[in-house]
Amino acid sequence: MTRFLAVAAAAAATLALTPAAGIAQTTNGYYTAVAVSAPAKNSIVTRSTVWRCGEGTCVAAKATSRDAIMCELVAREVGQLSSFTVKGQAFDAEALEKCNARAK
């Protein structure tokens, strides 16, 4: 019984981490990064933060790093961003330009 529960928990965790195809991942995120080109992966990790991506948008929960650093970290992984939002507040053009300077 214990083995069954472990397998069931692992399966549920895998499904929870996999974004549904065709659904924008704009909900439940403290950070929202919209990439100019859609990321190749459905999830990425920057330091200890997991980003879930779908349809060019990546979201992540609040992290301990400063907001500007979080923007730079995700830009390094997914490339140029067309927007970056923190708790519903979009970065202004100057902050986004500085962030995109770190893009791959």
N, C-alpha and C. Protein backbone atom coordinates (compact mmCIF):
# COMPACT_ATOMS: atom_id res chain seq x y z
N MET A 1 0.83 -1.20 0.00
CA MET A 1 0.00 0.00 0.00
C MET A 1 0.87 1.25 0.00
N THR A 2 1.93 1.23 0.79
CA THR A 2 2.82 2.38 0.87
C THR A 2 3.47 2.65 -0.48
N ARG A 3 3.87 1.59 -1.16
CA ARG A 3 4.50 1.74 -2.48
C ARG A 3 3.51 2.36 -3.46
N PHE A 4 2.26 1.93 -3.44
CA PHE A 4 1.24 2.48 -4.32
C PHE A 4 1.06 3.98 -4.05
N LEU A 5 1.02 4.38 -2.79
CA LEU A 5 0.86 5.79 -2.45
C LEU A 5 2.04 6.61 -2.95
N ALA A 6 3.25 6.07 -2.84
CA ALA A 6 4.44 6.78 -3.31
C ALA A 6 4.38 6.98 -4.83
N VAL A 7 3.99 5.95 -5.55
CA VAL A 7 3.88 6.04 -7.01
C VAL A 7 2.78 7.03 -7.39
N ALA A 8 1.65 6.96 -6.71
CA ALA A 8 0.54 7.88 -6.99
C ALA A 8 0.94 9.32 -6.71
N ALA A 9 1.67 9.55 -5.62
CA ALA A 9 2.12 10.91 -5.28
C ALA A 9 3.10 11.41 -6.33
N ALA A 10 4.00 10.57 -6.80
CA ALA A 10 4.97 10.97 -7.83
C ALA A 10 4.25 11.31 -9.13
N ALA A 11 3.26 10.51 -9.50
CA ALA A 11 2.50 10.77 -10.72
C ALA A 11 1.74 12.09 -10.62
N ALA A 12 1.13 12.33 -9.47
CA ALA A 12 0.39 13.58 -9.27
C ALA A 12 1.32 14.78 -9.33
N ALA A 13 2.50 14.65 -8.75
CA ALA A 13 3.47 15.75 -8.78
C ALA A 13 3.92 16.03 -10.20
N THR A 14 4.14 14.99 -10.98
CA THR A 14 4.56 15.16 -12.37
C THR A 14 3.48 15.87 -13.17
N LEU A 15 2.24 15.48 -12.98
CA LEU A 15 1.14 16.13 -13.69
C LEU A 15 0.98 17.57 -13.27
N ALA A 16 1.20 17.88 -12.01
CA ALA A 16 1.07 19.25 -11.51
C ALA A 16 2.14 20.15 -12.08
N LEU A 17 3.31 19.59 -12.40
CA LEU A 17 4.41 20.39 -12.93
C LEU A 17 4.35 20.55 -14.44
N THR A 18 3.52 19.78 -15.12
CA THR A 18 3.43 19.84 -16.56
C THR A 18 2.31 20.78 -16.97
N PRO A 19 2.64 21.90 -17.64
CA PRO A 19 1.57 22.81 -18.06
C PRO A 19 0.71 22.19 -19.15
N ALA A 20 -0.55 22.51 -19.13
CA ALA A 20 -1.46 22.00 -20.15
C ALA A 20 -1.13 22.68 -21.48
N ALA A 21 -1.11 21.91 -22.53
CA ALA A 21 -0.80 22.45 -23.86
C ALA A 21 -1.88 23.44 -24.27
N GLY A 22 -1.43 24.56 -24.82
CA GLY A 22 -2.38 25.54 -25.34
C GLY A 22 -2.96 26.48 -24.30
N ILE A 23 -2.53 26.38 -23.06
CA ILE A 23 -3.06 27.25 -22.02
C ILE A 23 -1.96 28.20 -21.58
N ALA A 24 -2.22 29.49 -21.65
CA ALA A 24 -1.23 30.47 -21.21
C ALA A 24 -1.02 30.32 -19.72
N GLN A 25 0.23 30.37 -19.30
CA GLN A 25 0.57 30.18 -17.90
C GLN A 25 0.67 31.53 -17.18
N THR A 26 -0.38 32.31 -17.18
CA THR A 26 -0.33 33.64 -16.60
C THR A 26 -0.94 33.71 -15.21
N THR A 27 -1.48 32.62 -14.71
CA THR A 27 -2.09 32.64 -13.40
C THR A 27 -1.17 32.03 -12.37
N ASN A 28 -1.40 32.36 -11.12
CA ASN A 28 -0.67 31.80 -9.99
C ASN A 28 0.82 32.12 -10.01
N GLY A 29 1.21 33.21 -10.62
CA GLY A 29 2.61 33.58 -10.64
C GLY A 29 2.84 34.95 -10.04
N TYR A 30 3.85 35.05 -9.22
CA TYR A 30 4.25 36.34 -8.69
C TYR A 30 4.99 37.10 -9.79
N TYR A 31 5.82 36.35 -10.55
CA TYR A 31 6.55 36.91 -11.68
C TYR A 31 5.94 36.37 -12.96
N THR A 32 5.83 37.23 -13.98
CA THR A 32 5.39 36.82 -15.30
C THR A 32 6.36 37.40 -16.31
N ALA A 33 6.98 36.53 -17.08
CA ALA A 33 7.92 36.95 -18.13
C ALA A 33 7.36 36.52 -19.47
N VAL A 34 7.23 37.48 -20.38
CA VAL A 34 6.75 37.17 -21.73
C VAL A 34 7.94 37.26 -22.66
N ALA A 35 8.30 36.11 -23.23
CA ALA A 35 9.47 36.03 -24.11
C ALA A 35 9.11 36.48 -25.52
N VAL A 36 10.08 37.09 -26.20
CA VAL A 36 9.88 37.48 -27.59
C VAL A 36 9.68 36.23 -28.44
N SER A 37 10.49 35.22 -28.21
CA SER A 37 10.35 33.92 -28.88
C SER A 37 9.99 32.88 -27.83
N ALA A 38 9.00 32.08 -28.11
CA ALA A 38 8.53 31.07 -27.14
C ALA A 38 9.68 30.17 -26.71
N PRO A 39 9.82 29.96 -25.39
CA PRO A 39 10.87 29.06 -24.89
C PRO A 39 10.68 27.63 -25.39
N ALA A 40 11.79 26.93 -25.58
CA ALA A 40 11.74 25.56 -26.06
C ALA A 40 11.26 24.58 -24.99
N LYS A 41 11.45 24.94 -23.72
CA LYS A 41 11.09 24.04 -22.62
C LYS A 41 9.83 24.52 -21.92
N ASN A 42 9.10 23.57 -21.31
CA ASN A 42 7.90 23.90 -20.56
C ASN A 42 8.21 24.39 -19.15
N SER A 43 9.41 24.09 -18.68
CA SER A 43 9.81 24.60 -17.37
C SER A 43 11.32 24.80 -17.37
N ILE A 44 11.73 25.80 -16.61
CA ILE A 44 13.15 26.10 -16.45
C ILE A 44 13.39 26.39 -14.98
N VAL A 45 14.64 26.31 -14.57
CA VAL A 45 15.00 26.62 -13.20
C VAL A 45 16.10 27.66 -13.22
N THR A 46 15.89 28.75 -12.50
CA THR A 46 16.92 29.77 -12.32
C THR A 46 17.26 29.79 -10.84
N ARG A 47 18.49 29.51 -10.52
CA ARG A 47 18.92 29.31 -9.13
C ARG A 47 17.99 28.30 -8.49
N SER A 48 17.13 28.71 -7.59
CA SER A 48 16.22 27.76 -6.95
C SER A 48 14.76 28.03 -7.30
N THR A 49 14.52 28.80 -8.36
CA THR A 49 13.17 29.16 -8.76
C THR A 49 12.74 28.38 -9.99
N VAL A 50 11.58 27.73 -9.90
CA VAL A 50 11.03 26.99 -11.03
C VAL A 50 10.08 27.91 -11.78
N TRP A 51 10.31 28.02 -13.09
CA TRP A 51 9.45 28.79 -13.99
C TRP A 51 8.67 27.80 -14.85
N ARG A 52 7.37 28.00 -14.96
CA ARG A 52 6.53 27.17 -15.83
C ARG A 52 6.16 28.01 -17.04
N CYS A 53 6.37 27.46 -18.22
CA CYS A 53 6.19 28.22 -19.46
C CYS A 53 5.15 27.58 -20.37
N GLY A 54 4.46 28.42 -21.10
CA GLY A 54 3.49 27.99 -22.11
C GLY A 54 3.10 29.16 -22.96
N GLU A 55 3.06 28.98 -24.28
CA GLU A 55 2.69 30.02 -25.23
C GLU A 55 3.52 31.29 -25.06
N GLY A 56 4.81 31.14 -24.79
CA GLY A 56 5.71 32.28 -24.70
C GLY A 56 5.70 33.00 -23.37
N THR A 57 4.88 32.56 -22.43
CA THR A 57 4.79 33.19 -21.12
C THR A 57 5.30 32.24 -20.05
N CYS A 58 6.17 32.76 -19.18
CA CYS A 58 6.69 31.96 -18.08
C CYS A 58 6.29 32.63 -16.76
N VAL A 59 5.89 31.82 -15.79
CA VAL A 59 5.50 32.34 -14.48
C VAL A 59 6.28 31.62 -13.38
N ALA A 60 6.46 32.32 -12.27
CA ALA A 60 7.15 31.73 -11.12
C ALA A 60 6.61 32.34 -9.84
N ALA A 61 6.77 31.60 -8.78
CA ALA A 61 6.39 32.08 -7.44
C ALA A 61 7.43 33.08 -6.94
N LYS A 62 7.09 33.80 -5.91
CA LYS A 62 7.99 34.79 -5.32
C LYS A 62 9.28 34.11 -4.86
N ALA A 63 10.38 34.78 -5.11
CA ALA A 63 11.70 34.27 -4.73
C ALA A 63 12.38 35.28 -3.82
N THR A 64 13.54 34.91 -3.31
CA THR A 64 14.25 35.78 -2.38
C THR A 64 15.12 36.82 -3.07
N SER A 65 15.38 36.65 -4.36
CA SER A 65 16.20 37.61 -5.10
C SER A 65 15.40 38.87 -5.43
N ARG A 66 16.12 39.95 -5.68
CA ARG A 66 15.46 41.20 -6.09
C ARG A 66 14.75 40.99 -7.43
N ASP A 67 13.73 41.79 -7.68
CA ASP A 67 12.94 41.65 -8.89
C ASP A 67 13.78 41.81 -10.15
N ALA A 68 14.69 42.77 -10.17
CA ALA A 68 15.55 42.98 -11.34
C ALA A 68 16.42 41.75 -11.60
N ILE A 69 16.91 41.13 -10.56
CA ILE A 69 17.73 39.93 -10.71
C ILE A 69 16.89 38.79 -11.27
N MET A 70 15.67 38.64 -10.80
CA MET A 70 14.79 37.59 -11.31
C MET A 70 14.55 37.78 -12.81
N CYS A 71 14.36 39.02 -13.23
CA CYS A 71 14.16 39.31 -14.64
C CYS A 71 15.39 38.91 -15.44
N GLU A 72 16.56 39.29 -14.97
CA GLU A 72 17.80 38.96 -15.66
C GLU A 72 18.02 37.45 -15.75
N LEU A 73 17.71 36.74 -14.67
CA LEU A 73 17.89 35.29 -14.66
C LEU A 73 17.01 34.59 -15.69
N VAL A 74 15.75 34.99 -15.76
CA VAL A 74 14.85 34.35 -16.73
C VAL A 74 15.23 34.76 -18.15
N ALA A 75 15.67 35.99 -18.35
CA ALA A 75 16.08 36.44 -19.68
C ALA A 75 17.30 35.65 -20.17
N ARG A 76 18.20 35.30 -19.26
CA ARG A 76 19.36 34.48 -19.63
C ARG A 76 18.93 33.12 -20.16
N GLU A 77 17.83 32.61 -19.64
CA GLU A 77 17.37 31.28 -20.02
C GLU A 77 16.49 31.28 -21.27
N VAL A 78 15.60 32.26 -21.40
CA VAL A 78 14.62 32.24 -22.50
C VAL A 78 14.90 33.26 -23.59
N GLY A 79 15.83 34.16 -23.38
CA GLY A 79 16.13 35.19 -24.37
C GLY A 79 15.38 36.49 -24.08
N GLN A 80 15.36 37.36 -25.07
CA GLN A 80 14.73 38.68 -24.92
C GLN A 80 13.29 38.58 -24.44
N LEU A 81 12.92 39.50 -23.55
CA LEU A 81 11.56 39.56 -23.02
C LEU A 81 10.83 40.77 -23.60
N SER A 82 9.55 40.59 -23.91
CA SER A 82 8.74 41.73 -24.35
C SER A 82 8.10 42.41 -23.16
N SER A 83 7.99 41.67 -22.04
CA SER A 83 7.51 42.28 -20.80
C SER A 83 7.90 41.41 -19.61
N PHE A 84 7.98 42.06 -18.45
CA PHE A 84 8.25 41.37 -17.20
C PHE A 84 7.39 42.04 -16.14
N THR A 85 6.61 41.24 -15.44
CA THR A 85 5.66 41.76 -14.46
C THR A 85 5.93 41.13 -13.10
N VAL A 86 5.87 41.98 -12.07
CA VAL A 86 6.04 41.53 -10.70
C VAL A 86 4.78 41.89 -9.93
N LYS A 87 4.10 40.87 -9.48
CA LYS A 87 2.86 41.05 -8.70
C LYS A 87 1.90 42.02 -9.39
N GLY A 88 1.79 41.87 -10.72
CA GLY A 88 0.86 42.69 -11.50
C GLY A 88 1.42 44.02 -11.97
N GLN A 89 2.62 44.39 -11.54
CA GLN A 89 3.24 45.66 -11.95
C GLN A 89 4.29 45.38 -13.02
N ALA A 90 4.07 45.94 -14.22
CA ALA A 90 5.01 45.73 -15.33
C ALA A 90 6.25 46.59 -15.16
N PHE A 91 7.40 46.04 -15.55
CA PHE A 91 8.64 46.82 -15.59
C PHE A 91 8.47 47.92 -16.62
N ASP A 92 9.03 49.10 -16.35
CA ASP A 92 9.00 50.17 -17.34
C ASP A 92 10.04 49.87 -18.42
N ALA A 93 10.05 50.67 -19.48
CA ALA A 93 10.92 50.42 -20.63
C ALA A 93 12.39 50.39 -20.24
N GLU A 94 12.82 51.27 -19.35
CA GLU A 94 14.22 51.33 -18.94
C GLU A 94 14.64 50.08 -18.17
N ALA A 95 13.80 49.65 -17.23
CA ALA A 95 14.10 48.45 -16.44
C ALA A 95 14.11 47.21 -17.33
N LEU A 96 13.17 47.14 -18.28
CA LEU A 96 13.12 45.99 -19.18
C LEU A 96 14.33 45.96 -20.10
N GLU A 97 14.77 47.12 -20.55
CA GLU A 97 15.97 47.20 -21.41
C GLU A 97 17.20 46.71 -20.65
N LYS A 98 17.33 47.12 -19.40
CA LYS A 98 18.46 46.67 -18.57
C LYS A 98 18.39 45.15 -18.37
N CYS A 99 17.20 44.65 -18.14
CA CYS A 99 17.01 43.21 -17.97
C CYS A 99 17.41 42.47 -19.24
N ASN A 100 16.94 42.94 -20.38
CA ASN A 100 17.22 42.28 -21.65
C ASN A 100 18.69 42.33 -22.04
N ALA A 101 19.46 43.21 -21.43
CA ALA A 101 20.90 43.26 -21.70
C ALA A 101 21.56 41.95 -21.26
N ARG A 102 20.95 41.22 -20.36
CA ARG A 102 21.48 39.94 -19.85
C ARG A 102 20.95 38.74 -20.64
N ALA A 103 20.07 38.99 -21.61
CA ALA A 103 19.48 37.87 -22.37
C ALA A 103 20.54 37.14 -23.17
N LYS A 104 20.28 35.85 -23.39
CA LYS A 104 21.24 35.04 -24.16
C LYS A 104 21.21 35.37 -25.61
